[in-house]
């Protein structure tokens, strides 16, 4: 018995099993692609998080190593005046 496929070419009825297997493998490949996409996205988010953490640590160390003697006093370098102890 001959069966028509999507492409229009006739096949034997016994090859329906192979057609069903190819459909399952296609959905399997699609899910594999989706899993790869999710995996690579999570890797990219992880790399970005590590980059932000390392950048912050490097900046904090740079700022700590380049401090001035006036940085040891409270409110040294504040642009706004202190509001406490005014006695209004």
PDB file of N, CA and C in Angstrom:
ATOM      1  N   UNK A   1       0.837  -1.173   0.000  1.00  0.00           N
ATOM      2  CA  UNK A   1       0.000   0.000   0.000  1.00  0.00           C
ATOM      3  C   UNK A   1       0.879   1.233   0.000  1.00  0.00           C
ATOM      4  N   UNK A   2       0.530   2.224  -0.829  1.00  0.00           N
ATOM      5  CA  UNK A   2       1.312   3.448  -0.947  1.00  0.00           C
ATOM      6  C   UNK A   2       0.634   4.569  -0.153  1.00  0.00           C
ATOM      7  N   UNK A   3       1.437   5.376   0.524  1.00  0.00           N
ATOM      8  CA  UNK A   3       0.936   6.486   1.330  1.00  0.00           C
ATOM      9  C   UNK A   3       1.620   7.755   0.856  1.00  0.00           C
ATOM     10  N   UNK A   4       0.850   8.844   0.687  1.00  0.00           N
ATOM     11  CA  UNK A   4       1.442  10.117   0.278  1.00  0.00           C
ATOM     12  C   UNK A   4       1.963  10.848   1.512  1.00  0.00           C
ATOM     13  N   UNK A   5       3.094  11.498   1.366  1.00  0.00           N
ATOM     14  CA  UNK A   5       3.688  12.259   2.463  1.00  0.00           C
ATOM     15  C   UNK A   5       3.465  13.748   2.240  1.00  0.00           C
ATOM     16  N   UNK A   6       3.979  14.575   3.098  1.00  0.00           N
ATOM     17  CA  UNK A   6       3.817  16.029   2.957  1.00  0.00           C
ATOM     18  C   UNK A   6       4.417  16.550   1.661  1.00  0.00           C
ATOM     19  N   UNK A   7       5.533  15.988   1.291  1.00  0.00           N
ATOM     20  CA  UNK A   7       6.190  16.460   0.073  1.00  0.00           C
ATOM     21  C   UNK A   7       5.490  15.950  -1.189  1.00  0.00           C
ATOM     22  N   UNK A   8       4.538  15.042  -1.029  1.00  0.00           N
ATOM     23  CA  UNK A   8       3.796  14.543  -2.170  1.00  0.00           C
ATOM     24  C   UNK A   8       4.376  13.275  -2.754  1.00  0.00           C
ATOM     25  N   UNK A   9       5.535  12.840  -2.274  1.00  0.00           N
ATOM     26  CA  UNK A   9       6.127  11.629  -2.813  1.00  0.00           C
ATOM     27  C   UNK A   9       5.521  10.412  -2.124  1.00  0.00           C
ATOM     28  N   UNK A  10       5.160   9.383  -2.876  1.00  0.00           N
ATOM     29  CA  UNK A  10       4.538   8.196  -2.269  1.00  0.00           C
ATOM     30  C   UNK A  10       5.570   7.352  -1.532  1.00  0.00           C
ATOM     31  N   UNK A  11       5.134   6.737  -0.420  1.00  0.00           N
ATOM     32  CA  UNK A  11       5.988   5.837   0.352  1.00  0.00           C
ATOM     33  C   UNK A  11       5.182   4.594   0.696  1.00  0.00           C
ATOM     34  N   UNK A  12       5.867   3.564   1.115  1.00  0.00           N
ATOM     35  CA  UNK A  12       5.203   2.333   1.539  1.00  0.00           C
ATOM     36  C   UNK A  12       4.565   2.547   2.905  1.00  0.00           C
ATOM     37  N   UNK A  13       3.511   1.790   3.190  1.00  0.00           N
ATOM     38  CA  UNK A  13       2.798   1.908   4.466  1.00  0.00           C
ATOM     39  C   UNK A  13       3.696   1.506   5.630  1.00  0.00           C
ATOM     40  N   UNK A  14       4.632   0.612   5.402  1.00  0.00           N
ATOM     41  CA  UNK A  14       5.535   0.176   6.480  1.00  0.00           C
ATOM     42  C   UNK A  14       6.482   1.267   6.931  1.00  0.00           C
ATOM     43  N   UNK A  15       6.639   2.292   6.125  1.00  0.00           N
ATOM     44  CA  UNK A  15       7.562   3.358   6.502  1.00  0.00           C
ATOM     45  C   UNK A  15       6.886   4.446   7.323  1.00  0.00           C
ATOM     46  N   UNK A  16       5.619   4.240   7.700  1.00  0.00           N
ATOM     47  CA  UNK A  16       4.925   5.213   8.552  1.00  0.00           C
ATOM     48  C   UNK A  16       5.625   5.305   9.904  1.00  0.00           C
ATOM     49  N   UNK A  17       6.136   4.183  10.365  1.00  0.00           N
ATOM     50  CA  UNK A  17       6.861   4.187  11.644  1.00  0.00           C
ATOM     51  C   UNK A  17       8.075   5.105  11.548  1.00  0.00           C
ATOM     52  N   UNK A  18       8.766   5.046  10.432  1.00  0.00           N
ATOM     53  CA  UNK A  18       9.934   5.911  10.270  1.00  0.00           C
ATOM     54  C   UNK A  18       9.522   7.374  10.157  1.00  0.00           C
ATOM     55  N   UNK A  19       8.348   7.626   9.571  1.00  0.00           N
ATOM     56  CA  UNK A  19       7.859   9.006   9.489  1.00  0.00           C
ATOM     57  C   UNK A  19       7.553   9.522  10.890  1.00  0.00           C
ATOM     58  N   UNK A  20       6.902   8.682  11.705  1.00  0.00           N
ATOM     59  CA  UNK A  20       6.586   9.102  13.067  1.00  0.00           C
ATOM     60  C   UNK A  20       7.853   9.319  13.885  1.00  0.00           C
ATOM     61  N   UNK A  21       8.845   8.479  13.666  1.00  0.00           N
ATOM     62  CA  UNK A  21      10.121   8.665  14.375  1.00  0.00           C
ATOM     63  C   UNK A  21      10.790   9.967  13.948  1.00  0.00           C
ATOM     64  N   UNK A  22      10.711  10.291  12.655  1.00  0.00           N
ATOM     65  CA  UNK A  22      11.337  11.531  12.192  1.00  0.00           C
ATOM     66  C   UNK A  22      10.607  12.741  12.765  1.00  0.00           C
ATOM     67  N   UNK A  23       9.278  12.655  12.923  1.00  0.00           N
ATOM     68  CA  UNK A  23       8.532  13.762  13.540  1.00  0.00           C
ATOM     69  C   UNK A  23       8.937  13.925  14.998  1.00  0.00           C
ATOM     70  N   UNK A  24       9.079  12.811  15.719  1.00  0.00           N
ATOM     71  CA  UNK A  24       9.489  12.878  17.114  1.00  0.00           C
ATOM     72  C   UNK A  24      10.901  13.420  17.248  1.00  0.00           C
ATOM     73  N   UNK A  25      11.779  13.025  16.345  1.00  0.00           N
ATOM     74  CA  UNK A  25      13.142  13.525  16.423  1.00  0.00           C
ATOM     75  C   UNK A  25      13.188  15.014  16.089  1.00  0.00           C
ATOM     76  N   UNK A  26      12.273  15.476  15.250  1.00  0.00           N
ATOM     77  CA  UNK A  26      12.234  16.899  14.937  1.00  0.00           C
ATOM     78  C   UNK A  26      11.830  17.698  16.168  1.00  0.00           C
ATOM     79  N   UNK A  27      10.796  17.230  16.866  1.00  0.00           N
ATOM     80  CA  UNK A  27      10.396  17.931  18.083  1.00  0.00           C
ATOM     81  C   UNK A  27      11.477  17.801  19.147  1.00  0.00           C
ATOM     82  N   UNK A  28      12.173  16.683  19.138  1.00  0.00           N
ATOM     83  CA  UNK A  28      13.287  16.499  20.067  1.00  0.00           C
ATOM     84  C   UNK A  28      14.397  17.500  19.745  1.00  0.00           C
ATOM     85  N   UNK A  29      14.666  17.705  18.452  1.00  0.00           N
ATOM     86  CA  UNK A  29      15.679  18.671  18.049  1.00  0.00           C
ATOM     87  C   UNK A  29      15.249  20.085  18.421  1.00  0.00           C
ATOM     88  N   UNK A  30      13.955  20.364  18.258  1.00  0.00           N
ATOM     89  CA  UNK A  30      13.461  21.691  18.620  1.00  0.00           C
ATOM     90  C   UNK A  30      13.590  21.922  20.119  1.00  0.00           C
ATOM     91  N   UNK A  31      13.289  20.914  20.925  1.00  0.00           N
ATOM     92  CA  UNK A  31      13.429  21.070  22.372  1.00  0.00           C
ATOM     93  C   UNK A  31      14.903  21.158  22.740  1.00  0.00           C
ATOM     94  N   UNK A  32      15.751  20.466  21.999  1.00  0.00           N
ATOM     95  CA  UNK A  32      17.184  20.547  22.243  1.00  0.00           C
ATOM     96  C   UNK A  32      17.687  21.958  21.947  1.00  0.00           C
ATOM     97  N   UNK A  33      17.187  22.561  20.891  1.00  0.00           N
ATOM     98  CA  UNK A  33      17.567  23.933  20.549  1.00  0.00           C
ATOM     99  C   UNK A  33      17.082  24.887  21.632  1.00  0.00           C
ATOM    100  N   UNK A  34      15.876  24.666  22.130  1.00  0.00           N
ATOM    101  CA  UNK A  34      15.338  25.516  23.198  1.00  0.00           C
ATOM    102  C   UNK A  34      16.179  25.378  24.466  1.00  0.00           C
ATOM    103  N   UNK A  35      16.570  24.162  24.800  1.00  0.00           N
ATOM    104  CA  UNK A  35      17.406  23.961  25.975  1.00  0.00           C
ATOM    105  C   UNK A  35      18.772  24.609  25.804  1.00  0.00           C
ATOM    106  N   UNK A  36      19.322  24.526  24.601  1.00  0.00           N
ATOM    107  CA  UNK A  36      20.597  25.205  24.344  1.00  0.00           C
ATOM    108  C   UNK A  36      20.453  26.708  24.508  1.00  0.00           C
ATOM    109  N   UNK A  37      19.349  27.243  24.005  1.00  0.00           N
ATOM    110  CA  UNK A  37      19.108  28.677  24.115  1.00  0.00           C
ATOM    111  C   UNK A  37      19.000  29.103  25.578  1.00  0.00           C
ATOM    112  N   UNK A  38      18.266  28.335  26.359  1.00  0.00           N
ATOM    113  CA  UNK A  38      18.140  28.638  27.789  1.00  0.00           C
ATOM    114  C   UNK A  38      19.498  28.502  28.479  1.00  0.00           C
ATOM    115  N   UNK A  39      20.247  27.500  28.113  1.00  0.00           N
ATOM    116  CA  UNK A  39      21.575  27.296  28.703  1.00  0.00           C
ATOM    117  C   UNK A  39      22.519  28.436  28.399  1.00  0.00           C
ATOM    118  N   UNK A  40      22.578  28.846  27.134  1.00  0.00           N
ATOM    119  CA  UNK A  40      23.475  29.941  26.763  1.00  0.00           C
ATOM    120  C   UNK A  40      23.020  31.267  27.369  1.00  0.00           C
ATOM    121  N   UNK A  41      21.712  31.448  27.514  1.00  0.00           N
ATOM    122  CA  UNK A  41      21.211  32.665  28.151  1.00  0.00           C
ATOM    123  C   UNK A  41      21.620  32.702  29.612  1.00  0.00           C
ATOM    124  N   UNK A  42      21.507  31.583  30.296  1.00  0.00           N
ATOM    125  CA  UNK A  42      21.908  31.557  31.706  1.00  0.00           C
ATOM    126  C   UNK A  42      23.411  31.759  31.851  1.00  0.00           C
ATOM    127  N   UNK A  43      24.188  31.241  30.927  1.00  0.00           N
ATOM    128  CA  UNK A  43      25.638  31.474  30.958  1.00  0.00           C
ATOM    129  C   UNK A  43      25.936  32.957  30.758  1.00  0.00           C
ATOM    130  N   UNK A  44      25.236  33.593  29.830  1.00  0.00           N
ATOM    131  CA  UNK A  44      25.463  35.022  29.579  1.00  0.00           C
ATOM    132  C   UNK A  44      25.088  35.869  30.793  1.00  0.00           C
ATOM    133  N   UNK A  45      23.981  35.529  31.446  1.00  0.00           N
ATOM    134  CA  UNK A  45      23.581  36.277  32.647  1.00  0.00           C
ATOM    135  C   UNK A  45      24.602  36.060  33.763  1.00  0.00           C
ATOM    136  N   UNK A  46      25.104  34.855  33.893  1.00  0.00           N
ATOM    137  CA  UNK A  46      26.137  34.568  34.898  1.00  0.00           C
ATOM    138  C   UNK A  46      27.421  35.326  34.643  1.00  0.00           C
ATOM    139  N   UNK A  47      27.838  35.374  33.389  1.00  0.00           N
ATOM    140  CA  UNK A  47      29.062  36.124  33.039  1.00  0.00           C
ATOM    141  C   UNK A  47      28.868  37.604  33.315  1.00  0.00           C
ATOM    142  N   UNK A  48      27.694  38.141  33.004  1.00  0.00           N
ATOM    143  CA  UNK A  48      27.425  39.554  33.279  1.00  0.00           C
ATOM    144  C   UNK A  48      27.447  39.830  34.780  1.00  0.00           C
ATOM    145  N   UNK A  49      26.883  38.935  35.586  1.00  0.00           N
ATOM    146  CA  UNK A  49      26.878  39.116  37.038  1.00  0.00           C
ATOM    147  C   UNK A  49      28.290  39.076  37.601  1.00  0.00           C
ATOM    148  N   UNK A  50      29.099  38.141  37.124  1.00  0.00           N
ATOM    149  CA  UNK A  50      30.487  38.060  37.585  1.00  0.00           C
ATOM    150  C   UNK A  50      31.258  39.310  37.157  1.00  0.00           C
ATOM    151  N   UNK A  51      31.004  39.787  35.948  1.00  0.00           N
ATOM    152  CA  UNK A  51      31.667  41.005  35.483  1.00  0.00           C
ATOM    153  C   UNK A  51      31.304  42.211  36.322  1.00  0.00           C
ATOM    154  N   UNK A  52      30.021  42.343  36.687  1.00  0.00           N
ATOM    155  CA  UNK A  52      29.621  43.450  37.552  1.00  0.00           C
ATOM    156  C   UNK A  52      30.263  43.344  38.929  1.00  0.00           C
ATOM    157  N   UNK A  53      30.325  42.151  39.489  1.00  0.00           N
ATOM    158  CA  UNK A  53      30.921  41.966  40.801  1.00  0.00           C
ATOM    159  C   UNK A  53      32.413  42.289  40.776  1.00  0.00           C
ATOM    160  N   UNK A  54      33.123  41.773  39.791  1.00  0.00           N
ATOM    161  CA  UNK A  54      34.563  42.019  39.690  1.00  0.00           C
ATOM    162  C   UNK A  54      34.836  43.497  39.439  1.00  0.00           C
ATOM    163  N   UNK A  55      34.034  44.134  38.581  1.00  0.00           N
ATOM    164  CA  UNK A  55      34.210  45.561  38.315  1.00  0.00           C
ATOM    165  C   UNK A  55      33.995  46.401  39.553  1.00  0.00           C
ATOM    166  N   UNK A  56      32.983  46.057  40.350  1.00  0.00           N
ATOM    167  CA  UNK A  56      32.740  46.808  41.582  1.00  0.00           C
ATOM    168  C   UNK A  56      33.892  46.636  42.562  1.00  0.00           C
ATOM    169  N   UNK A  57      34.403  45.407  42.692  1.00  0.00           N
ATOM    170  CA  UNK A  57      35.531  45.158  43.597  1.00  0.00           C
ATOM    171  C   UNK A  57      36.772  45.923  43.152  1.00  0.00           C
ATOM    172  N   UNK A  58      37.044  45.920  41.852  1.00  0.00           N
ATOM    173  CA  UNK A  58      38.217  46.653  41.357  1.00  0.00           C
ATOM    174  C   UNK A  58      38.070  48.150  41.590  1.00  0.00           C
ATOM    175  N   UNK A  59      36.871  48.685  41.391  1.00  0.00           N
ATOM    176  CA  UNK A  59      36.651  50.120  41.617  1.00  0.00           C
ATOM    177  C   UNK A  59      36.778  50.467  43.096  1.00  0.00           C
ATOM    178  N   UNK A  60      36.234  49.622  43.970  1.00  0.00           N
ATOM    179  CA  UNK A  60      36.359  49.873  45.409  1.00  0.00           C
ATOM    180  C   UNK A  60      37.812  49.836  45.853  1.00  0.00           C
ATOM    181  N   UNK A  61      38.574  48.896  45.343  1.00  0.00           N
ATOM    182  CA  UNK A  61      39.999  48.837  45.699  1.00  0.00           C
ATOM    183  C   UNK A  61      40.747  50.054  45.175  1.00  0.00           C
ATOM    184  N   UNK A  62      40.415  50.487  43.963  1.00  0.00           N
ATOM    185  CA  UNK A  62      41.059  51.672  43.406  1.00  0.00           C
ATOM    186  C   UNK A  62      40.750  52.898  44.259  1.00  0.00           C
ATOM    187  N   UNK A  63      39.474  53.071  44.607  1.00  0.00           N
ATOM    188  CA  UNK A  63      39.081  54.219  45.427  1.00  0.00           C
ATOM    189  C   UNK A  63      39.724  54.152  46.810  1.00  0.00           C
ATOM    190  N   UNK A  64      39.833  52.962  47.377  1.00  0.00           N
ATOM    191  CA  UNK A  64      40.446  52.815  48.695  1.00  0.00           C
ATOM    192  C   UNK A  64      41.926  53.153  48.648  1.00  0.00           C
ATOM    193  N   UNK A  65      42.610  52.750  47.609  1.00  0.00           N
ATOM    194  CA  UNK A  65      44.048  52.999  47.504  1.00  0.00           C
ATOM    195  C   UNK A  65      44.371  54.436  47.120  1.00  0.00           C
ATOM    196  N   UNK A  66      43.402  55.185  46.619  1.00  0.00           N
ATOM    197  CA  UNK A  66      43.637  56.574  46.212  1.00  0.00           C
ATOM    198  C   UNK A  66      42.903  57.563  47.115  1.00  0.00           C
ATOM    199  N   UNK A  67      42.752  57.236  48.382  1.00  0.00           N
ATOM    200  CA  UNK A  67      42.081  58.153  49.297  1.00  0.00           C
ATOM    201  C   UNK A  67      43.061  59.209  49.799  1.00  0.00           C
ATOM    202  N   UNK A  68      42.534  60.319  50.261  1.00  0.00           N
ATOM    203  CA  UNK A  68      43.352  61.435  50.753  1.00  0.00           C
ATOM    204  C   UNK A  68      43.288  61.470  52.281  1.00  0.00           C
ATOM    205  N   UNK A  69      44.195  62.222  52.912  1.00  0.00           N
ATOM    206  CA  UNK A  69      44.157  62.302  54.378  1.00  0.00           C
ATOM    207  C   UNK A  69      42.845  62.866  54.915  1.00  0.00           C
ATOM    208  N   UNK A  70      42.176  63.743  54.166  1.00  0.00           N
ATOM    209  CA  UNK A  70      40.920  64.301  54.671  1.00  0.00           C
ATOM    210  C   UNK A  70      39.790  63.279  54.662  1.00  0.00           C
ATOM    211  N   UNK A  71      39.979  62.157  53.983  1.00  0.00           N
ATOM    212  CA  UNK A  71      38.957  61.116  53.961  1.00  0.00           C
ATOM    213  C   UNK A  71      38.811  60.423  55.312  1.00  0.00           C
ATOM    214  N   UNK A  72      39.774  60.608  56.219  1.00  0.00           N
ATOM    215  CA  UNK A  72      39.698  59.966  57.515  1.00  0.00           C
ATOM    216  C   UNK A  72      38.759  60.688  58.472  1.00  0.00           C
ATOM    217  N   UNK A  73      38.365  61.921  58.151  1.00  0.00           N
ATOM    218  CA  UNK A  73      37.474  62.696  59.011  1.00  0.00           C
ATOM    219  C   UNK A  73      36.020  62.472  58.599  1.00  0.00           C
ATOM    220  N   UNK A  74      35.124  62.581  59.561  1.00  0.00           N
ATOM    221  CA  UNK A  74      33.705  62.390  59.271  1.00  0.00           C
ATOM    222  C   UNK A  74      33.211  63.504  58.366  1.00  0.00           C
ATOM    223  N   UNK A  75      32.425  63.187  57.400  1.00  0.00           N
ATOM    224  CA  UNK A  75      31.816  64.116  56.440  1.00  0.00           C
ATOM    225  C   UNK A  75      32.853  64.861  55.610  1.00  0.00           C
ATOM    226  N   UNK A  76      34.014  64.310  55.441  1.00  0.00           N
ATOM    227  CA  UNK A  76      35.039  64.967  54.625  1.00  0.00           C
ATOM    228  C   UNK A  76      34.620  64.890  53.162  1.00  0.00           C
ATOM    229  N   UNK A  77      34.533  66.030  52.512  1.00  0.00           N
ATOM    230  CA  UNK A  77      34.201  66.081  51.114  1.00  0.00           C
ATOM    231  C   UNK A  77      32.719  66.065  50.829  1.00  0.00           C
ATOM    232  N   UNK A  78      31.890  66.178  51.861  1.00  0.00           N
ATOM    233  CA  UNK A  78      30.443  66.230  51.639  1.00  0.00           C
ATOM    234  C   UNK A  78      30.084  67.536  50.953  1.00  0.00           C
ATOM    235  N   UNK A  79      29.236  67.439  49.957  1.00  0.00           N
ATOM    236  CA  UNK A  79      28.818  68.637  49.244  1.00  0.00           C
ATOM    237  C   UNK A  79      27.680  69.342  49.972  1.00  0.00           C
ATOM    238  N   UNK A  80      26.866  68.602  50.703  1.00  0.00           N
ATOM    239  CA  UNK A  80      25.755  69.181  51.447  1.00  0.00           C
ATOM    240  C   UNK A  80      26.181  69.389  52.898  1.00  0.00           C
ATOM    241  N   UNK A  81      25.759  70.496  53.513  1.00  0.00           N
ATOM    242  CA  UNK A  81      26.123  70.693  54.918  1.00  0.00           C
ATOM    243  C   UNK A  81      25.403  69.694  55.816  1.00  0.00           C
ATOM    244  N   UNK A  82      25.998  69.425  56.958  1.00  0.00           N
ATOM    245  CA  UNK A  82      25.394  68.499  57.903  1.00  0.00           C
ATOM    246  C   UNK A  82      24.190  69.156  58.551  1.00  0.00           C
ATOM    247  N   UNK A  83      23.122  68.413  58.720  1.00  0.00           N
ATOM    248  CA  UNK A  83      21.881  68.938  59.257  1.00  0.00           C
ATOM    249  C   UNK A  83      21.730  68.673  60.749  1.00  0.00           C
ATOM    250  N   UNK A  84      22.610  67.892  61.331  1.00  0.00           N
ATOM    251  CA  UNK A  84      22.436  67.554  62.735  1.00  0.00           C
ATOM    252  C   UNK A  84      23.212  68.533  63.622  1.00  0.00           C
ATOM    253  N   UNK A  85      22.768  68.699  64.851  1.00  0.00           N
ATOM    254  CA  UNK A  85      23.436  69.574  65.803  1.00  0.00           C
ATOM    255  C   UNK A  85      23.209  71.056  65.559  1.00  0.00           C
ATOM    256  N   UNK A  86      22.215  71.382  64.762  1.00  0.00           N
ATOM    257  CA  UNK A  86      21.959  72.794  64.432  1.00  0.00           C
ATOM    258  C   UNK A  86      21.215  73.446  65.577  1.00  0.00           C
ATOM    259  N   UNK A  87      20.355  72.756  66.242  1.00  0.00           N
ATOM    260  CA  UNK A  87      19.614  73.285  67.374  1.00  0.00           C
ATOM    261  C   UNK A  87      18.517  74.246  67.026  1.00  0.00           C
ATOM    262  N   UNK A  88      17.728  73.914  66.031  1.00  0.00           N
ATOM    263  CA  UNK A  88      16.650  74.789  65.597  1.00  0.00           C
ATOM    264  C   UNK A  88      15.541  74.829  66.604  1.00  0.00           C
TER     265      UNK A  88
END
